[in-house]
Amino acid sequence: MKKTLKYLLVATGLTLSGLSSWAEESNVEKVQTAKNRAIDATKKAYRGAKNKLCPTVNGKVECAKDKMVNKANNVIDKAETDAIEQRNKIDNK
């Protein structure tokens, strides 16, 4: 009885430890993801502020072009960050 309980506890512990490490990002990857998201948010805020100030400095036509470029850059940054996150998740499976 004691041997069976001991084996059951060991098997449960091994199973739970295996499940917790499966499909998780490492701490380094979690920090990298947080850093990338913070950088993306900072760039997006900077571009937004730049878009608001643009009409007072430049003409409307030039500002419209800049706004389109800034939106495209925001989308590219987000796609790159998401790709890195997905690669990290796949690497750990």
PDB file of N, CA and C in Angstrom:
ATOM      1  N   MET A   1       0.829  -1.197   0.000  1.00  0.00           N
ATOM      2  CA  MET A   1       0.000   0.000   0.000  1.00  0.00           C
ATOM      3  C   MET A   1       0.872   1.260   0.000  1.00  0.00           C
ATOM      4  N   LYS A   2       1.891   1.255   0.855  1.00  0.00           N
ATOM      5  CA  LYS A   2       2.769   2.417   0.921  1.00  0.00           C
ATOM      6  C   LYS A   2       3.550   2.587  -0.375  1.00  0.00           C
ATOM      7  N   LYS A   3       3.980   1.468  -0.990  1.00  0.00           N
ATOM      8  CA  LYS A   3       4.722   1.532  -2.242  1.00  0.00           C
ATOM      9  C   LYS A   3       3.851   2.089  -3.357  1.00  0.00           C
ATOM     10  N   THR A   4       2.593   1.661  -3.387  1.00  0.00           N
ATOM     11  CA  THR A   4       1.673   2.122  -4.426  1.00  0.00           C
ATOM     12  C   THR A   4       1.433   3.614  -4.287  1.00  0.00           C
ATOM     13  N   LEU A   5       1.248   4.076  -3.068  1.00  0.00           N
ATOM     14  CA  LEU A   5       1.033   5.504  -2.817  1.00  0.00           C
ATOM     15  C   LEU A   5       2.274   6.307  -3.194  1.00  0.00           C
ATOM     16  N   LYS A   6       3.427   5.755  -2.884  1.00  0.00           N
ATOM     17  CA  LYS A   6       4.683   6.422  -3.218  1.00  0.00           C
ATOM     18  C   LYS A   6       4.839   6.555  -4.737  1.00  0.00           C
ATOM     19  N   TYR A   7       4.571   5.474  -5.471  1.00  0.00           N
ATOM     20  CA  TYR A   7       4.658   5.513  -6.934  1.00  0.00           C
ATOM     21  C   TYR A   7       3.635   6.476  -7.534  1.00  0.00           C
ATOM     22  N   LEU A   8       2.444   6.484  -6.944  1.00  0.00           N
ATOM     23  CA  LEU A   8       1.395   7.380  -7.425  1.00  0.00           C
ATOM     24  C   LEU A   8       1.796   8.842  -7.243  1.00  0.00           C
ATOM     25  N   LEU A   9       2.380   9.169  -6.099  1.00  0.00           N
ATOM     26  CA  LEU A   9       2.831  10.539  -5.845  1.00  0.00           C
ATOM     27  C   LEU A   9       3.970  10.933  -6.785  1.00  0.00           C
ATOM     28  N   VAL A  10       4.895  10.030  -7.017  1.00  0.00           N
ATOM     29  CA  VAL A  10       6.009  10.314  -7.921  1.00  0.00           C
ATOM     30  C   VAL A  10       5.493  10.518  -9.345  1.00  0.00           C
ATOM     31  N   ALA A  11       4.583   9.651  -9.779  1.00  0.00           N
ATOM     32  CA  ALA A  11       4.026   9.772 -11.128  1.00  0.00           C
ATOM     33  C   ALA A  11       3.248  11.076 -11.285  1.00  0.00           C
ATOM     34  N   THR A  12       2.488  11.429 -10.273  1.00  0.00           N
ATOM     35  CA  THR A  12       1.732  12.686 -10.317  1.00  0.00           C
ATOM     36  C   THR A  12       2.677  13.874 -10.374  1.00  0.00           C
ATOM     37  N   GLY A  13       3.720  13.846  -9.572  1.00  0.00           N
ATOM     38  CA  GLY A  13       4.696  14.940  -9.572  1.00  0.00           C
ATOM     39  C   GLY A  13       5.393  15.089 -10.911  1.00  0.00           C
ATOM     40  N   LEU A  14       5.793  13.972 -11.505  1.00  0.00           N
ATOM     41  CA  LEU A  14       6.451  14.025 -12.808  1.00  0.00           C
ATOM     42  C   LEU A  14       5.506  14.536 -13.889  1.00  0.00           C
ATOM     43  N   THR A  15       4.265  14.103 -13.831  1.00  0.00           N
ATOM     44  CA  THR A  15       3.282  14.551 -14.818  1.00  0.00           C
ATOM     45  C   THR A  15       3.045  16.049 -14.695  1.00  0.00           C
ATOM     46  N   LEU A  16       2.868  16.531 -13.477  1.00  0.00           N
ATOM     47  CA  LEU A  16       2.603  17.958 -13.282  1.00  0.00           C
ATOM     48  C   LEU A  16       3.805  18.810 -13.651  1.00  0.00           C
ATOM     49  N   SER A  17       5.000  18.347 -13.342  1.00  0.00           N
ATOM     50  CA  SER A  17       6.184  19.129 -13.707  1.00  0.00           C
ATOM     51  C   SER A  17       6.367  19.153 -15.222  1.00  0.00           C
ATOM     52  N   GLY A  18       6.039  18.065 -15.888  1.00  0.00           N
ATOM     53  CA  GLY A  18       6.126  18.026 -17.345  1.00  0.00           C
ATOM     54  C   GLY A  18       5.103  18.926 -17.994  1.00  0.00           C
ATOM     55  N   LEU A  19       3.898  18.968 -17.444  1.00  0.00           N
ATOM     56  CA  LEU A  19       2.854  19.818 -18.013  1.00  0.00           C
ATOM     57  C   LEU A  19       3.154  21.295 -17.818  1.00  0.00           C
ATOM     58  N   SER A  20       3.746  21.640 -16.699  1.00  0.00           N
ATOM     59  CA  SER A  20       4.015  23.056 -16.456  1.00  0.00           C
ATOM     60  C   SER A  20       5.118  23.592 -17.358  1.00  0.00           C
ATOM     61  N   SER A  21       6.052  22.733 -17.753  1.00  0.00           N
ATOM     62  CA  SER A  21       7.127  23.214 -18.615  1.00  0.00           C
ATOM     63  C   SER A  21       6.771  23.123 -20.092  1.00  0.00           C
ATOM     64  N   TRP A  22       5.731  22.408 -20.445  1.00  0.00           N
ATOM     65  CA  TRP A  22       5.339  22.238 -21.841  1.00  0.00           C
ATOM     66  C   TRP A  22       4.602  23.469 -22.324  1.00  0.00           C
ATOM     67  N   ALA A  23       4.983  24.009 -23.434  1.00  0.00           N
ATOM     68  CA  ALA A  23       4.319  25.136 -24.106  1.00  0.00           C
ATOM     69  C   ALA A  23       4.366  26.423 -23.287  1.00  0.00           C
ATOM     70  N   GLU A  24       5.401  26.586 -22.505  1.00  0.00           N
ATOM     71  CA  GLU A  24       5.574  27.844 -21.776  1.00  0.00           C
ATOM     72  C   GLU A  24       6.810  28.552 -22.301  1.00  0.00           C
ATOM     73  N   GLU A  25       6.745  29.860 -22.263  1.00  0.00           N
ATOM     74  CA  GLU A  25       7.919  30.631 -22.640  1.00  0.00           C
ATOM     75  C   GLU A  25       8.882  30.654 -21.462  1.00  0.00           C
ATOM     76  N   SER A  26      10.152  30.714 -21.760  1.00  0.00           N
ATOM     77  CA  SER A  26      11.132  30.832 -20.694  1.00  0.00           C
ATOM     78  C   SER A  26      11.070  32.254 -20.138  1.00  0.00           C
ATOM     79  N   ASN A  27      11.711  32.449 -19.008  1.00  0.00           N
ATOM     80  CA  ASN A  27      11.701  33.780 -18.395  1.00  0.00           C
ATOM     81  C   ASN A  27      12.365  34.813 -19.295  1.00  0.00           C
ATOM     82  N   VAL A  28      13.418  34.409 -19.986  1.00  0.00           N
ATOM     83  CA  VAL A  28      14.107  35.325 -20.896  1.00  0.00           C
ATOM     84  C   VAL A  28      13.157  35.747 -22.019  1.00  0.00           C
ATOM     85  N   GLU A  29      12.409  34.779 -22.550  1.00  0.00           N
ATOM     86  CA  GLU A  29      11.476  35.093 -23.629  1.00  0.00           C
ATOM     87  C   GLU A  29      10.319  35.950 -23.146  1.00  0.00           C
ATOM     88  N   LYS A  30       9.883  35.736 -21.908  1.00  0.00           N
ATOM     89  CA  LYS A  30       8.814  36.573 -21.351  1.00  0.00           C
ATOM     90  C   LYS A  30       9.287  38.016 -21.198  1.00  0.00           C
ATOM     91  N   VAL A  31      10.522  38.193 -20.748  1.00  0.00           N
ATOM     92  CA  VAL A  31      11.080  39.539 -20.606  1.00  0.00           C
ATOM     93  C   VAL A  31      11.231  40.183 -21.984  1.00  0.00           C
ATOM     94  N   GLN A  32      11.681  39.402 -22.969  1.00  0.00           N
ATOM     95  CA  GLN A  32      11.839  39.926 -24.326  1.00  0.00           C
ATOM     96  C   GLN A  32      10.480  40.350 -24.894  1.00  0.00           C
ATOM     97  N   THR A  33       9.449  39.556 -24.646  1.00  0.00           N
ATOM     98  CA  THR A  33       8.114  39.894 -25.121  1.00  0.00           C
ATOM     99  C   THR A  33       7.618  41.183 -24.478  1.00  0.00           C
ATOM    100  N   ALA A  34       7.809  41.317 -23.171  1.00  0.00           N
ATOM    101  CA  ALA A  34       7.388  42.531 -22.481  1.00  0.00           C
ATOM    102  C   ALA A  34       8.157  43.747 -22.999  1.00  0.00           C
ATOM    103  N   LYS A  35       9.441  43.576 -23.234  1.00  0.00           N
ATOM    104  CA  LYS A  35      10.263  44.664 -23.763  1.00  0.00           C
ATOM    105  C   LYS A  35       9.787  45.070 -25.153  1.00  0.00           C
ATOM    106  N   ASN A  36       9.527  44.077 -26.004  1.00  0.00           N
ATOM    107  CA  ASN A  36       9.061  44.382 -27.366  1.00  0.00           C
ATOM    108  C   ASN A  36       7.720  45.102 -27.357  1.00  0.00           C
ATOM    109  N   ARG A  37       6.826  44.677 -26.481  1.00  0.00           N
ATOM    110  CA  ARG A  37       5.514  45.336 -26.397  1.00  0.00           C
ATOM    111  C   ARG A  37       5.654  46.775 -25.896  1.00  0.00           C
ATOM    112  N   ALA A  38       6.561  46.991 -24.936  1.00  0.00           N
ATOM    113  CA  ALA A  38       6.780  48.348 -24.426  1.00  0.00           C
ATOM    114  C   ALA A  38       7.368  49.246 -25.509  1.00  0.00           C
ATOM    115  N   ILE A  39       8.301  48.713 -26.268  1.00  0.00           N
ATOM    116  CA  ILE A  39       8.894  49.490 -27.367  1.00  0.00           C
ATOM    117  C   ILE A  39       7.838  49.832 -28.410  1.00  0.00           C
ATOM    118  N   ASP A  40       6.985  48.849 -28.753  1.00  0.00           N
ATOM    119  CA  ASP A  40       5.917  49.097 -29.727  1.00  0.00           C
ATOM    120  C   ASP A  40       4.968  50.182 -29.234  1.00  0.00           C
ATOM    121  N   ALA A  41       4.612  50.125 -27.954  1.00  0.00           N
ATOM    122  CA  ALA A  41       3.692  51.124 -27.394  1.00  0.00           C
ATOM    123  C   ALA A  41       4.328  52.513 -27.406  1.00  0.00           C
ATOM    124  N   THR A  42       5.617  52.583 -27.104  1.00  0.00           N
ATOM    125  CA  THR A  42       6.315  53.868 -27.108  1.00  0.00           C
ATOM    126  C   THR A  42       6.374  54.443 -28.524  1.00  0.00           C
ATOM    127  N   LYS A  43       6.719  53.594 -29.491  1.00  0.00           N
ATOM    128  CA  LYS A  43       6.768  54.063 -30.873  1.00  0.00           C
ATOM    129  C   LYS A  43       5.400  54.531 -31.346  1.00  0.00           C
ATOM    130  N   LYS A  44       4.361  53.782 -30.981  1.00  0.00           N
ATOM    131  CA  LYS A  44       3.000  54.134 -31.396  1.00  0.00           C
ATOM    132  C   LYS A  44       2.589  55.475 -30.785  1.00  0.00           C
ATOM    133  N   ALA A  45       2.912  55.695 -29.513  1.00  0.00           N
ATOM    134  CA  ALA A  45       2.582  56.964 -28.854  1.00  0.00           C
ATOM    135  C   ALA A  45       3.343  58.124 -29.492  1.00  0.00           C
ATOM    136  N   TYR A  46       4.617  57.892 -29.791  1.00  0.00           N
ATOM    137  CA  TYR A  46       5.424  58.927 -30.433  1.00  0.00           C
ATOM    138  C   TYR A  46       4.852  59.286 -31.800  1.00  0.00           C
ATOM    139  N   ARG A  47       4.513  58.275 -32.576  1.00  0.00           N
ATOM    140  CA  ARG A  47       3.948  58.538 -33.900  1.00  0.00           C
ATOM    141  C   ARG A  47       2.602  59.240 -33.801  1.00  0.00           C
ATOM    142  N   GLY A  48       1.806  58.885 -32.798  1.00  0.00           N
ATOM    143  CA  GLY A  48       0.518  59.548 -32.604  1.00  0.00           C
ATOM    144  C   GLY A  48       0.697  61.019 -32.271  1.00  0.00           C
ATOM    145  N   ALA A  49       1.646  61.316 -31.397  1.00  0.00           N
ATOM    146  CA  ALA A  49       1.910  62.718 -31.052  1.00  0.00           C
ATOM    147  C   ALA A  49       2.429  63.485 -32.264  1.00  0.00           C
ATOM    148  N   LYS A  50       3.272  62.824 -33.042  1.00  0.00           N
ATOM    149  CA  LYS A  50       3.802  63.443 -34.246  1.00  0.00           C
ATOM    150  C   LYS A  50       2.671  63.753 -35.241  1.00  0.00           C
ATOM    151  N   ASN A  51       1.707  62.836 -35.344  1.00  0.00           N
ATOM    152  CA  ASN A  51       0.567  63.049 -36.229  1.00  0.00           C
ATOM    153  C   ASN A  51      -0.286  64.236 -35.790  1.00  0.00           C
ATOM    154  N   LYS A  52      -0.426  64.435 -34.477  1.00  0.00           N
ATOM    155  CA  LYS A  52      -1.238  65.545 -33.979  1.00  0.00           C
ATOM    156  C   LYS A  52      -0.568  66.888 -34.225  1.00  0.00           C
ATOM    157  N   LEU A  53       0.753  66.930 -34.156  1.00  0.00           N
ATOM    158  CA  LEU A  53       1.477  68.174 -34.352  1.00  0.00           C
ATOM    159  C   LEU A  53       1.709  68.507 -35.821  1.00  0.00           C
ATOM    160  N   CYS A  54       1.579  67.542 -36.674  1.00  0.00           N
ATOM    161  CA  CYS A  54       1.915  67.706 -38.085  1.00  0.00           C
ATOM    162  C   CYS A  54       1.161  68.848 -38.781  1.00  0.00           C
ATOM    163  N   PRO A  55      -0.163  68.963 -38.648  1.00  0.00           N
ATOM    164  CA  PRO A  55      -0.865  70.020 -39.387  1.00  0.00           C
ATOM    165  C   PRO A  55      -0.416  71.438 -39.032  1.00  0.00           C
ATOM    166  N   THR A  56       0.076  71.638 -37.819  1.00  0.00           N
ATOM    167  CA  THR A  56       0.513  72.979 -37.439  1.00  0.00           C
ATOM    168  C   THR A  56       1.862  73.320 -38.056  1.00  0.00           C
ATOM    169  N   VAL A  57       2.680  72.303 -38.356  1.00  0.00           N
ATOM    170  CA  VAL A  57       4.012  72.537 -38.897  1.00  0.00           C
ATOM    171  C   VAL A  57       4.026  72.414 -40.420  1.00  0.00           C
ATOM    172  N   ASN A  58       3.410  71.357 -40.940  1.00  0.00           N
ATOM    173  CA  ASN A  58       3.434  71.078 -42.377  1.00  0.00           C
ATOM    174  C   ASN A  58       2.026  71.233 -42.952  1.00  0.00           C
ATOM    175  N   GLY A  59       1.916  71.097 -44.240  1.00  0.00           N
ATOM    176  CA  GLY A  59       0.613  71.160 -44.880  1.00  0.00           C
ATOM    177  C   GLY A  59      -0.165  69.870 -44.676  1.00  0.00           C
ATOM    178  N   LYS A  60      -1.481  69.902 -44.985  1.00  0.00           N
ATOM    179  CA  LYS A  60      -2.340  68.747 -44.770  1.00  0.00           C
ATOM    180  C   LYS A  60      -1.992  67.572 -45.678  1.00  0.00           C
ATOM    181  N   VAL A  61      -1.579  67.852 -46.903  1.00  0.00           N
ATOM    182  CA  VAL A  61      -1.261  66.773 -47.840  1.00  0.00           C
ATOM    183  C   VAL A  61      -0.058  65.981 -47.349  1.00  0.00           C
ATOM    184  N   GLU A  62       0.962  66.670 -46.915  1.00  0.00           N
ATOM    185  CA  GLU A  62       2.151  65.995 -46.405  1.00  0.00           C
ATOM    186  C   GLU A  62       1.831  65.231 -45.129  1.00  0.00           C
ATOM    187  N   CYS A  63       0.967  65.786 -44.299  1.00  0.00           N
ATOM    188  CA  CYS A  63       0.587  65.115 -43.056  1.00  0.00           C
ATOM    189  C   CYS A  63      -0.195  63.841 -43.329  1.00  0.00           C
ATOM    190  N   ALA A  64      -1.057  63.864 -44.326  1.00  0.00           N
ATOM    191  CA  ALA A  64      -1.821  62.662 -44.667  1.00  0.00           C
ATOM    192  C   ALA A  64      -0.876  61.524 -45.064  1.00  0.00           C
ATOM    193  N   LYS A  65       0.142  61.866 -45.819  1.00  0.00           N
ATOM    194  CA  LYS A  65       1.136  60.862 -46.226  1.00  0.00           C
ATOM    195  C   LYS A  65       1.882  60.326 -44.999  1.00  0.00           C
ATOM    196  N   ASP A  66       2.288  61.221 -44.114  1.00  0.00           N
ATOM    197  CA  ASP A  66       3.009  60.810 -42.908  1.00  0.00           C
ATOM    198  C   ASP A  66       2.147  59.926 -42.017  1.00  0.00           C
ATOM    199  N   LYS A  67       0.850  60.257 -41.920  1.00  0.00           N
ATOM    200  CA  LYS A  67      -0.045  59.452 -41.092  1.00  0.00           C
ATOM    201  C   LYS A  67      -0.163  58.031 -41.634  1.00  0.00           C
ATOM    202  N   MET A  68      -0.242  57.912 -42.950  1.00  0.00           N
ATOM    203  CA  MET A  68      -0.328  56.582 -43.566  1.00  0.00           C
ATOM    204  C   MET A  68       0.950  55.784 -43.295  1.00  0.00           C
ATOM    205  N   VAL A  69       2.093  56.438 -43.417  1.00  0.00           N
ATOM    206  CA  VAL A  69       3.368  55.769 -43.164  1.00  0.00           C
ATOM    207  C   VAL A  69       3.456  55.336 -41.696  1.00  0.00           C
ATOM    208  N   ASN A  70       3.029  56.213 -40.789  1.00  0.00           N
ATOM    209  CA  ASN A  70       3.073  55.885 -39.363  1.00  0.00           C
ATOM    210  C   ASN A  70       2.156  54.707 -39.034  1.00  0.00           C
ATOM    211  N   LYS A  71       0.960  54.678 -39.623  1.00  0.00           N
ATOM    212  CA  LYS A  71       0.051  53.553 -39.382  1.00  0.00           C
ATOM    213  C   LYS A  71       0.653  52.255 -39.924  1.00  0.00           C
ATOM    214  N   ALA A  72       1.258  52.329 -41.080  1.00  0.00           N
ATOM    215  CA  ALA A  72       1.898  51.142 -41.658  1.00  0.00           C
ATOM    216  C   ALA A  72       3.038  50.660 -40.761  1.00  0.00           C
ATOM    217  N   ASN A  73       3.815  51.582 -40.235  1.00  0.00           N
ATOM    218  CA  ASN A  73       4.913  51.213 -39.333  1.00  0.00           C
ATOM    219  C   ASN A  73       4.384  50.568 -38.059  1.00  0.00           C
ATOM    220  N   ASN A  74       3.254  51.077 -37.530  1.00  0.00           N
ATOM    221  CA  ASN A  74       2.649  50.479 -36.340  1.00  0.00           C
ATOM    222  C   ASN A  74       2.235  49.032 -36.612  1.00  0.00           C
ATOM    223  N   VAL A  75       1.651  48.790 -37.765  1.00  0.00           N
ATOM    224  CA  VAL A  75       1.221  47.438 -38.130  1.00  0.00           C
ATOM    225  C   VAL A  75       2.434  46.519 -38.297  1.00  0.00           C
ATOM    226  N   ILE A  76       3.476  47.022 -38.929  1.00  0.00           N
ATOM    227  CA  ILE A  76       4.695  46.227 -39.123  1.00  0.00           C
ATOM    228  C   ILE A  76       5.323  45.873 -37.782  1.00  0.00           C
ATOM    229  N   ASP A  77       5.417  46.854 -36.876  1.00  0.00           N
ATOM    230  CA  ASP A  77       5.988  46.595 -35.549  1.00  0.00           C
ATOM    231  C   ASP A  77       5.197  45.522 -34.813  1.00  0.00           C
ATOM    232  N   LYS A  78       3.875  45.625 -34.862  1.00  0.00           N
ATOM    233  CA  LYS A  78       3.023  44.644 -34.176  1.00  0.00           C
ATOM    234  C   LYS A  78       3.201  43.260 -34.785  1.00  0.00           C
ATOM    235  N   ALA A  79       3.268  43.183 -36.102  1.00  0.00           N
ATOM    236  CA  ALA A  79       3.442  41.889 -36.768  1.00  0.00           C
ATOM    237  C   ALA A  79       4.787  41.257 -36.394  1.00  0.00           C
ATOM    238  N   GLU A  80       5.835  42.067 -36.333  1.00  0.00           N
ATOM    239  CA  GLU A  80       7.150  41.543 -35.956  1.00  0.00           C
ATOM    240  C   GLU A  80       7.140  41.018 -34.523  1.00  0.00           C
ATOM    241  N   THR A  81       6.520  41.773 -33.613  1.00  0.00           N
ATOM    242  CA  THR A  81       6.449  41.342 -32.221  1.00  0.00           C
ATOM    243  C   THR A  81       5.642  40.049 -32.094  1.00  0.00           C
ATOM    244  N   ASP A  82       4.510  39.974 -32.784  1.00  0.00           N
ATOM    245  CA  ASP A  82       3.702  38.756 -32.739  1.00  0.00           C
ATOM    246  C   ASP A  82       4.444  37.567 -33.320  1.00  0.00           C
ATOM    247  N   ALA A  83       5.217  37.791 -34.377  1.00  0.00           N
ATOM    248  CA  ALA A  83       5.991  36.702 -34.983  1.00  0.00           C
ATOM    249  C   ALA A  83       7.044  36.180 -34.007  1.00  0.00           C
ATOM    250  N   ILE A  84       7.687  37.070 -33.281  1.00  0.00           N
ATOM    251  CA  ILE A  84       8.690  36.664 -32.295  1.00  0.00           C
ATOM    252  C   ILE A  84       8.033  35.849 -31.188  1.00  0.00           C
ATOM    253  N   GLU A  85       6.859  36.307 -30.721  1.00  0.00           N
ATOM    254  CA  GLU A  85       6.146  35.576 -29.669  1.00  0.00           C
ATOM    255  C   GLU A  85       5.755  34.182 -30.139  1.00  0.00           C
ATOM    256  N   GLN A  86       5.239  34.077 -31.353  1.00  0.00           N
ATOM    257  CA  GLN A  86       4.844  32.768 -31.872  1.00  0.00           C
ATOM    258  C   GLN A  86       6.049  31.854 -32.046  1.00  0.00           C
ATOM    259  N   ARG A  87       7.166  32.403 -32.508  1.00  0.00           N
ATOM    260  CA  ARG A  87       8.379  31.593 -32.659  1.00  0.00           C
ATOM    261  C   ARG A  87       8.839  31.080 -31.306  1.00  0.00           C
ATOM    262  N   ASN A  88       8.775  31.919 -30.272  1.00  0.00           N
ATOM    263  CA  ASN A  88       9.183  31.493 -28.943  1.00  0.00           C
ATOM    264  C   ASN A  88       8.280  30.383 -28.413  1.00  0.00           C
ATOM    265  N   LYS A  89       6.985  30.494 -28.686  1.00  0.00           N
ATOM    266  CA  LYS A  89       6.057  29.456 -28.217  1.00  0.00           C
ATOM    267  C   LYS A  89       6.301  28.137 -28.942  1.00  0.00           C
ATOM    268  N   ILE A  90       6.580  28.210 -30.235  1.00  0.00           N
ATOM    269  CA  ILE A  90       6.833  26.995 -31.014  1.00  0.00           C
ATOM    270  C   ILE A  90       8.148  26.355 -30.591  1.00  0.00           C
ATOM    271  N   ASP A  91       9.160  27.173 -30.308  1.00  0.00           N
ATOM    272  CA  ASP A  91      10.460  26.649 -29.891  1.00  0.00           C
ATOM    273  C   ASP A  91      10.358  25.839 -28.602  1.00  0.00           C
ATOM    274  N   ASN A  92       9.416  26.194 -27.757  1.00  0.00           N
ATOM    275  CA  ASN A  92       9.312  25.530 -26.457  1.00  0.00           C
ATOM    276  C   ASN A  92       8.390  24.312 -26.465  1.00  0.00           C
ATOM    277  N   LYS A  93       7.790  24.014 -27.590  1.00  0.00           N
ATOM    278  CA  LYS A  93       6.909  22.834 -27.630  1.00  0.00           C
ATOM    279  C   LYS A  93       7.690  21.594 -27.907  1.00  0.00           C
TER     280      LYS A  93
END
